[in-house]
């Protein structure tokens, strides 16, 4: 099921103490040390996700609300 942005202007937040943060309510947060188990998922603040029946939206994507990142792919973008 698709992840849909519900609040325009809050797609991504950048701060030196975090890695990328997606959504106004930190829907998906990758911290500056992603292998520390402090990355988190808290969907349905900005990004609306309808997961399968009986599943929790905050653990469905990663298996838990907090997680570590073993591999990350980075893309650049330019704001117009």
PDB file of N, CA and C in Angstrom:
ATOM      1  N   UNK A   1       0.839  -1.172   0.000  1.00  0.00           N
ATOM      2  CA  UNK A   1       0.000   0.000   0.000  1.00  0.00           C
ATOM      3  C   UNK A   1       0.887   1.239   0.000  1.00  0.00           C
ATOM      4  N   UNK A   2       0.446   2.291  -0.665  1.00  0.00           N
ATOM      5  CA  UNK A   2       1.297   3.481  -0.795  1.00  0.00           C
ATOM      6  C   UNK A   2       1.390   4.292   0.487  1.00  0.00           C
ATOM      7  N   UNK A   3       2.487   5.003   0.601  1.00  0.00           N
ATOM      8  CA  UNK A   3       2.702   5.961   1.679  1.00  0.00           C
ATOM      9  C   UNK A   3       2.334   7.318   1.092  1.00  0.00           C
ATOM     10  N   UNK A   4       1.363   8.003   1.684  1.00  0.00           N
ATOM     11  CA  UNK A   4       0.845   9.241   1.114  1.00  0.00           C
ATOM     12  C   UNK A   4       1.146  10.405   2.038  1.00  0.00           C
ATOM     13  N   UNK A   5       1.759  11.466   1.498  1.00  0.00           N
ATOM     14  CA  UNK A   5       2.042  12.662   2.290  1.00  0.00           C
ATOM     15  C   UNK A   5       0.746  13.421   2.524  1.00  0.00           C
ATOM     16  N   UNK A   6       0.421  13.678   3.796  1.00  0.00           N
ATOM     17  CA  UNK A   6      -0.824  14.342   4.138  1.00  0.00           C
ATOM     18  C   UNK A   6      -0.670  15.823   4.394  1.00  0.00           C
ATOM     19  N   UNK A   7       0.526  16.324   4.678  1.00  0.00           N
ATOM     20  CA  UNK A   7       0.729  17.731   4.967  1.00  0.00           C
ATOM     21  C   UNK A   7       1.813  18.277   4.046  1.00  0.00           C
ATOM     22  N   UNK A   8       1.426  19.148   3.157  1.00  0.00           N
ATOM     23  CA  UNK A   8       2.383  19.719   2.213  1.00  0.00           C
ATOM     24  C   UNK A   8       3.427  20.542   2.964  1.00  0.00           C
ATOM     25  N   UNK A   9       4.672  20.451   2.541  1.00  0.00           N
ATOM     26  CA  UNK A   9       5.740  21.227   3.150  1.00  0.00           C
ATOM     27  C   UNK A   9       6.486  20.502   4.252  1.00  0.00           C
ATOM     28  N   UNK A  10       6.069  19.301   4.593  1.00  0.00           N
ATOM     29  CA  UNK A  10       6.727  18.556   5.668  1.00  0.00           C
ATOM     30  C   UNK A  10       7.277  17.224   5.187  1.00  0.00           C
ATOM     31  N   UNK A  11       7.679  17.149   3.946  1.00  0.00           N
ATOM     32  CA  UNK A  11       8.165  15.888   3.396  1.00  0.00           C
ATOM     33  C   UNK A  11       9.436  15.425   4.093  1.00  0.00           C
ATOM     34  N   UNK A  12      10.403  16.337   4.272  1.00  0.00           N
ATOM     35  CA  UNK A  12      11.682  15.959   4.879  1.00  0.00           C
ATOM     36  C   UNK A  12      12.179  17.106   5.753  1.00  0.00           C
ATOM     37  N   UNK A  13      12.817  16.737   6.849  1.00  0.00           N
ATOM     38  CA  UNK A  13      13.386  17.703   7.790  1.00  0.00           C
ATOM     39  C   UNK A  13      14.859  17.352   7.943  1.00  0.00           C
ATOM     40  N   UNK A  14      15.702  18.342   7.871  1.00  0.00           N
ATOM     41  CA  UNK A  14      17.136  18.093   7.995  1.00  0.00           C
ATOM     42  C   UNK A  14      17.695  18.878   9.179  1.00  0.00           C
ATOM     43  N   UNK A  15      18.515  18.213   9.987  1.00  0.00           N
ATOM     44  CA  UNK A  15      19.121  18.821  11.160  1.00  0.00           C
ATOM     45  C   UNK A  15      20.450  18.122  11.406  1.00  0.00           C
ATOM     46  N   UNK A  16      21.441  18.833  11.916  1.00  0.00           N
ATOM     47  CA  UNK A  16      22.771  18.245  12.096  1.00  0.00           C
ATOM     48  C   UNK A  16      22.789  17.113  13.129  1.00  0.00           C
ATOM     49  N   UNK A  17      21.829  17.065  14.034  1.00  0.00           N
ATOM     50  CA  UNK A  17      21.814  15.997  15.036  1.00  0.00           C
ATOM     51  C   UNK A  17      21.022  14.770  14.582  1.00  0.00           C
ATOM     52  N   UNK A  18      20.433  14.838  13.402  1.00  0.00           N
ATOM     53  CA  UNK A  18      19.689  13.719  12.825  1.00  0.00           C
ATOM     54  C   UNK A  18      20.248  13.421  11.449  1.00  0.00           C
ATOM     55  N   UNK A  19      19.884  12.276  10.967  1.00  0.00           N
ATOM     56  CA  UNK A  19      20.014  12.010   9.546  1.00  0.00           C
ATOM     57  C   UNK A  19      18.732  12.550   8.940  1.00  0.00           C
ATOM     58  N   UNK A  20      18.216  11.950   7.885  1.00  0.00           N
ATOM     59  CA  UNK A  20      16.955  12.444   7.328  1.00  0.00           C
ATOM     60  C   UNK A  20      15.772  12.114   8.239  1.00  0.00           C
ATOM     61  N   UNK A  21      14.868  13.059   8.365  1.00  0.00           N
ATOM     62  CA  UNK A  21      13.618  12.870   9.102  1.00  0.00           C
ATOM     63  C   UNK A  21      12.498  13.158   8.128  1.00  0.00           C
ATOM     64  N   UNK A  22      11.591  12.223   7.974  1.00  0.00           N
ATOM     65  CA  UNK A  22      10.489  12.367   7.040  1.00  0.00           C
ATOM     66  C   UNK A  22       9.204  12.604   7.809  1.00  0.00           C
ATOM     67  N   UNK A  23       8.540  13.705   7.512  1.00  0.00           N
ATOM     68  CA  UNK A  23       7.264  14.025   8.121  1.00  0.00           C
ATOM     69  C   UNK A  23       7.377  14.952   9.313  1.00  0.00           C
ATOM     70  N   UNK A  24       6.337  15.757   9.534  1.00  0.00           N
ATOM     71  CA  UNK A  24       6.290  16.739  10.610  1.00  0.00           C
ATOM     72  C   UNK A  24       6.311  16.078  11.989  1.00  0.00           C
ATOM     73  N   UNK A  25       5.760  14.907  12.128  1.00  0.00           N
ATOM     74  CA  UNK A  25       5.749  14.206  13.412  1.00  0.00           C
ATOM     75  C   UNK A  25       6.843  13.169  13.520  1.00  0.00           C
ATOM     76  N   UNK A  26       7.930  13.357  12.755  1.00  0.00           N
ATOM     77  CA  UNK A  26       9.025  12.384  12.694  1.00  0.00           C
ATOM     78  C   UNK A  26       8.484  11.001  12.346  1.00  0.00           C
ATOM     79  N   UNK A  27       7.707  10.953  11.264  1.00  0.00           N
ATOM     80  CA  UNK A  27       7.114   9.692  10.824  1.00  0.00           C
ATOM     81  C   UNK A  27       8.178   8.618  10.592  1.00  0.00           C
ATOM     82  N   UNK A  28       9.272   9.000   9.974  1.00  0.00           N
ATOM     83  CA  UNK A  28      10.405   8.098   9.775  1.00  0.00           C
ATOM     84  C   UNK A  28      11.662   8.894  10.082  1.00  0.00           C
ATOM     85  N   UNK A  29      12.395   8.474  11.095  1.00  0.00           N
ATOM     86  CA  UNK A  29      13.555   9.225  11.571  1.00  0.00           C
ATOM     87  C   UNK A  29      14.801   8.349  11.535  1.00  0.00           C
ATOM     88  N   UNK A  30      15.802   8.772  10.778  1.00  0.00           N
ATOM     89  CA  UNK A  30      17.086   8.096  10.723  1.00  0.00           C
ATOM     90  C   UNK A  30      18.077   9.002  11.457  1.00  0.00           C
ATOM     91  N   UNK A  31      18.602   8.548  12.568  1.00  0.00           N
ATOM     92  CA  UNK A  31      19.501   9.382  13.376  1.00  0.00           C
ATOM     93  C   UNK A  31      20.902   9.417  12.780  1.00  0.00           C
ATOM     94  N   UNK A  32      21.769  10.284  13.333  1.00  0.00           N
ATOM     95  CA  UNK A  32      23.117  10.449  12.785  1.00  0.00           C
ATOM     96  C   UNK A  32      24.006   9.230  12.995  1.00  0.00           C
ATOM     97  N   UNK A  33      23.641   8.331  13.903  1.00  0.00           N
ATOM     98  CA  UNK A  33      24.359   7.052  14.061  1.00  0.00           C
ATOM     99  C   UNK A  33      23.327   5.933  13.908  1.00  0.00           C
ATOM    100  N   UNK A  34      22.975   5.606  12.653  1.00  0.00           N
ATOM    101  CA  UNK A  34      21.844   4.721  12.381  1.00  0.00           C
ATOM    102  C   UNK A  34      21.965   3.297  12.912  1.00  0.00           C
ATOM    103  N   UNK A  35      23.161   2.864  13.309  1.00  0.00           N
ATOM    104  CA  UNK A  35      23.285   1.503  13.858  1.00  0.00           C
ATOM    105  C   UNK A  35      23.133   1.495  15.379  1.00  0.00           C
ATOM    106  N   UNK A  36      22.549   2.557  15.971  1.00  0.00           N
ATOM    107  CA  UNK A  36      22.428   2.671  17.423  1.00  0.00           C
ATOM    108  C   UNK A  36      21.053   2.306  17.962  1.00  0.00           C
ATOM    109  N   UNK A  37      20.136   1.833  17.145  1.00  0.00           N
ATOM    110  CA  UNK A  37      18.781   1.459  17.540  1.00  0.00           C
ATOM    111  C   UNK A  37      17.950   2.657  18.004  1.00  0.00           C
ATOM    112  N   UNK A  38      18.286   3.854  17.539  1.00  0.00           N
ATOM    113  CA  UNK A  38      17.494   5.025  17.866  1.00  0.00           C
ATOM    114  C   UNK A  38      16.716   5.562  16.671  1.00  0.00           C
ATOM    115  N   UNK A  39      16.790   4.877  15.554  1.00  0.00           N
ATOM    116  CA  UNK A  39      15.960   5.237  14.413  1.00  0.00           C
ATOM    117  C   UNK A  39      14.533   4.850  14.778  1.00  0.00           C
ATOM    118  N   UNK A  40      13.555   5.567  14.231  1.00  0.00           N
ATOM    119  CA  UNK A  40      12.191   5.273  14.651  1.00  0.00           C
ATOM    120  C   UNK A  40      11.174   5.486  13.540  1.00  0.00           C
ATOM    121  N   UNK A  41      10.040   4.820  13.709  1.00  0.00           N
ATOM    122  CA  UNK A  41       8.892   4.949  12.814  1.00  0.00           C
ATOM    123  C   UNK A  41       7.704   5.378  13.669  1.00  0.00           C
ATOM    124  N   UNK A  42       7.011   6.419  13.226  1.00  0.00           N
ATOM    125  CA  UNK A  42       5.819   6.900  13.916  1.00  0.00           C
ATOM    126  C   UNK A  42       4.866   7.433  12.853  1.00  0.00           C
ATOM    127  N   UNK A  43       4.335   6.530  12.040  1.00  0.00           N
ATOM    128  CA  UNK A  43       3.532   6.921  10.884  1.00  0.00           C
ATOM    129  C   UNK A  43       2.193   7.540  11.272  1.00  0.00           C
ATOM    130  N   UNK A  44       1.568   8.136  10.287  1.00  0.00           N
ATOM    131  CA  UNK A  44       0.239   8.739  10.353  1.00  0.00           C
ATOM    132  C   UNK A  44       0.226  10.096  11.032  1.00  0.00           C
ATOM    133  N   UNK A  45       1.370  10.774  11.112  1.00  0.00           N
ATOM    134  CA  UNK A  45       1.405  12.178  11.493  1.00  0.00           C
ATOM    135  C   UNK A  45       1.340  13.024  10.224  1.00  0.00           C
ATOM    136  N   UNK A  46       2.304  12.842   9.354  1.00  0.00           N
ATOM    137  CA  UNK A  46       2.317  13.510   8.054  1.00  0.00           C
ATOM    138  C   UNK A  46       2.048  12.495   6.951  1.00  0.00           C
ATOM    139  N   UNK A  47       2.711  11.351   7.047  1.00  0.00           N
ATOM    140  CA  UNK A  47       2.540  10.302   6.037  1.00  0.00           C
ATOM    141  C   UNK A  47       1.473   9.325   6.501  1.00  0.00           C
ATOM    142  N   UNK A  48       0.453   9.172   5.688  1.00  0.00           N
ATOM    143  CA  UNK A  48      -0.640   8.265   6.012  1.00  0.00           C
ATOM    144  C   UNK A  48      -0.349   6.907   5.372  1.00  0.00           C
ATOM    145  N   UNK A  49      -0.375   5.882   6.182  1.00  0.00           N
ATOM    146  CA  UNK A  49      -0.093   4.540   5.675  1.00  0.00           C
ATOM    147  C   UNK A  49      -1.176   3.604   6.153  1.00  0.00           C
ATOM    148  N   UNK A  50      -1.810   2.932   5.231  1.00  0.00           N
ATOM    149  CA  UNK A  50      -2.841   1.974   5.581  1.00  0.00           C
ATOM    150  C   UNK A  50      -2.234   0.589   5.428  1.00  0.00           C
ATOM    151  N   UNK A  51      -1.816   0.010   6.546  1.00  0.00           N
ATOM    152  CA  UNK A  51      -1.178  -1.304   6.493  1.00  0.00           C
ATOM    153  C   UNK A  51      -2.247  -2.393   6.521  1.00  0.00           C
ATOM    154  N   UNK A  52      -1.873  -3.623   6.248  1.00  0.00           N
ATOM    155  CA  UNK A  52      -2.836  -4.726   6.246  1.00  0.00           C
ATOM    156  C   UNK A  52      -3.556  -4.857   7.590  1.00  0.00           C
ATOM    157  N   UNK A  53      -4.763  -5.364   7.547  1.00  0.00           N
ATOM    158  CA  UNK A  53      -5.586  -5.546   8.754  1.00  0.00           C
ATOM    159  C   UNK A  53      -4.820  -6.352   9.804  1.00  0.00           C
ATOM    160  N   UNK A  54      -4.902  -5.907  11.036  1.00  0.00           N
ATOM    161  CA  UNK A  54      -4.252  -6.601  12.142  1.00  0.00           C
ATOM    162  C   UNK A  54      -2.799  -6.235  12.353  1.00  0.00           C
ATOM    163  N   UNK A  55      -2.262  -5.346  11.517  1.00  0.00           N
ATOM    164  CA  UNK A  55      -0.865  -4.944  11.625  1.00  0.00           C
ATOM    165  C   UNK A  55      -0.767  -3.534  12.205  1.00  0.00           C
ATOM    166  N   UNK A  56       0.303  -3.249  12.910  1.00  0.00           N
ATOM    167  CA  UNK A  56       0.561  -1.942  13.490  1.00  0.00           C
ATOM    168  C   UNK A  56       1.386  -1.122  12.502  1.00  0.00           C
ATOM    169  N   UNK A  57       0.917   0.070  12.150  1.00  0.00           N
ATOM    170  CA  UNK A  57       1.614   0.908  11.167  1.00  0.00           C
ATOM    171  C   UNK A  57       3.004   1.314  11.639  1.00  0.00           C
ATOM    172  N   UNK A  58       3.237   1.379  12.959  1.00  0.00           N
ATOM    173  CA  UNK A  58       4.539   1.795  13.477  1.00  0.00           C
ATOM    174  C   UNK A  58       5.558   0.668  13.531  1.00  0.00           C
ATOM    175  N   UNK A  59       5.130  -0.561  13.305  1.00  0.00           N
ATOM    176  CA  UNK A  59       6.091  -1.665  13.286  1.00  0.00           C
ATOM    177  C   UNK A  59       6.051  -2.454  11.981  1.00  0.00           C
ATOM    178  N   UNK A  60       5.093  -2.191  11.129  1.00  0.00           N
ATOM    179  CA  UNK A  60       4.939  -2.967   9.903  1.00  0.00           C
ATOM    180  C   UNK A  60       6.116  -2.812   8.941  1.00  0.00           C
ATOM    181  N   UNK A  61       6.627  -1.597   8.773  1.00  0.00           N
ATOM    182  CA  UNK A  61       7.709  -1.371   7.804  1.00  0.00           C
ATOM    183  C   UNK A  61       9.047  -1.924   8.260  1.00  0.00           C
ATOM    184  N   UNK A  62       9.341  -1.866   9.562  1.00  0.00           N
ATOM    185  CA  UNK A  62      10.672  -2.226  10.061  1.00  0.00           C
ATOM    186  C   UNK A  62      10.672  -3.365  11.076  1.00  0.00           C
ATOM    187  N   UNK A  63       9.502  -3.808  11.529  1.00  0.00           N
ATOM    188  CA  UNK A  63       9.423  -4.878  12.514  1.00  0.00           C
ATOM    189  C   UNK A  63       9.343  -4.365  13.940  1.00  0.00           C
ATOM    190  N   UNK A  64       9.627  -3.076  14.155  1.00  0.00           N
ATOM    191  CA  UNK A  64       9.585  -2.490  15.493  1.00  0.00           C
ATOM    192  C   UNK A  64       9.519  -0.971  15.335  1.00  0.00           C
ATOM    193  N   UNK A  65       9.080  -0.257  16.380  1.00  0.00           N
ATOM    194  CA  UNK A  65       9.053   1.205  16.306  1.00  0.00           C
ATOM    195  C   UNK A  65      10.455   1.794  16.278  1.00  0.00           C
ATOM    196  N   UNK A  66      11.413   1.145  16.920  1.00  0.00           N
ATOM    197  CA  UNK A  66      12.816   1.572  16.844  1.00  0.00           C
ATOM    198  C   UNK A  66      13.593   0.494  16.109  1.00  0.00           C
ATOM    199  N   UNK A  67      14.618   0.909  15.401  1.00  0.00           N
ATOM    200  CA  UNK A  67      15.360  -0.041  14.579  1.00  0.00           C
ATOM    201  C   UNK A  67      16.753   0.481  14.296  1.00  0.00           C
ATOM    202  N   UNK A  68      17.602  -0.379  13.796  1.00  0.00           N
ATOM    203  CA  UNK A  68      18.927   0.013  13.336  1.00  0.00           C
ATOM    204  C   UNK A  68      18.949  -0.082  11.809  1.00  0.00           C
ATOM    205  N   UNK A  69      19.855   0.646  11.214  1.00  0.00           N
ATOM    206  CA  UNK A  69      20.004   0.647   9.767  1.00  0.00           C
ATOM    207  C   UNK A  69      21.319  -0.035   9.432  1.00  0.00           C
ATOM    208  N   UNK A  70      21.253  -1.076   8.628  1.00  0.00           N
ATOM    209  CA  UNK A  70      22.478  -1.777   8.255  1.00  0.00           C
ATOM    210  C   UNK A  70      22.991  -1.306   6.896  1.00  0.00           C
ATOM    211  N   UNK A  71      22.118  -0.720   6.095  1.00  0.00           N
ATOM    212  CA  UNK A  71      22.507  -0.247   4.774  1.00  0.00           C
ATOM    213  C   UNK A  71      21.592   0.915   4.401  1.00  0.00           C
ATOM    214  N   UNK A  72      22.160   1.950   3.814  1.00  0.00           N
ATOM    215  CA  UNK A  72      21.357   3.109   3.424  1.00  0.00           C
ATOM    216  C   UNK A  72      21.818   3.594   2.055  1.00  0.00           C
ATOM    217  N   UNK A  73      20.877   3.984   1.234  1.00  0.00           N
ATOM    218  CA  UNK A  73      21.178   4.517  -0.083  1.00  0.00           C
ATOM    219  C   UNK A  73      20.772   5.988  -0.081  1.00  0.00           C
ATOM    220  N   UNK A  74      21.655   6.848  -0.510  1.00  0.00           N
ATOM    221  CA  UNK A  74      21.423   8.293  -0.432  1.00  0.00           C
ATOM    222  C   UNK A  74      21.256   8.867  -1.833  1.00  0.00           C
ATOM    223  N   UNK A  75      20.233   9.673  -1.990  1.00  0.00           N
ATOM    224  CA  UNK A  75      19.967  10.373  -3.244  1.00  0.00           C
ATOM    225  C   UNK A  75      20.030  11.865  -2.963  1.00  0.00           C
ATOM    226  N   UNK A  76      20.507  12.613  -3.900  1.00  0.00           N
ATOM    227  CA  UNK A  76      20.503  14.066  -3.784  1.00  0.00           C
ATOM    228  C   UNK A  76      19.264  14.636  -4.431  1.00  0.00           C
ATOM    229  N   UNK A  77      18.837  15.795  -3.949  1.00  0.00           N
ATOM    230  CA  UNK A  77      17.732  16.477  -4.585  1.00  0.00           C
ATOM    231  C   UNK A  77      17.976  17.972  -4.493  1.00  0.00           C
ATOM    232  N   UNK A  78      17.332  18.697  -5.358  1.00  0.00           N
ATOM    233  CA  UNK A  78      17.489  20.134  -5.391  1.00  0.00           C
ATOM    234  C   UNK A  78      16.116  20.776  -5.248  1.00  0.00           C
ATOM    235  N   UNK A  79      15.978  21.684  -4.307  1.00  0.00           N
ATOM    236  CA  UNK A  79      14.702  22.365  -4.085  1.00  0.00           C
ATOM    237  C   UNK A  79      14.601  23.536  -5.047  1.00  0.00           C
ATOM    238  N   UNK A  80      13.483  23.654  -5.718  1.00  0.00           N
ATOM    239  CA  UNK A  80      13.252  24.739  -6.674  1.00  0.00           C
ATOM    240  C   UNK A  80      12.446  25.831  -6.045  1.00  0.00           C
TER     241      UNK A  80
END
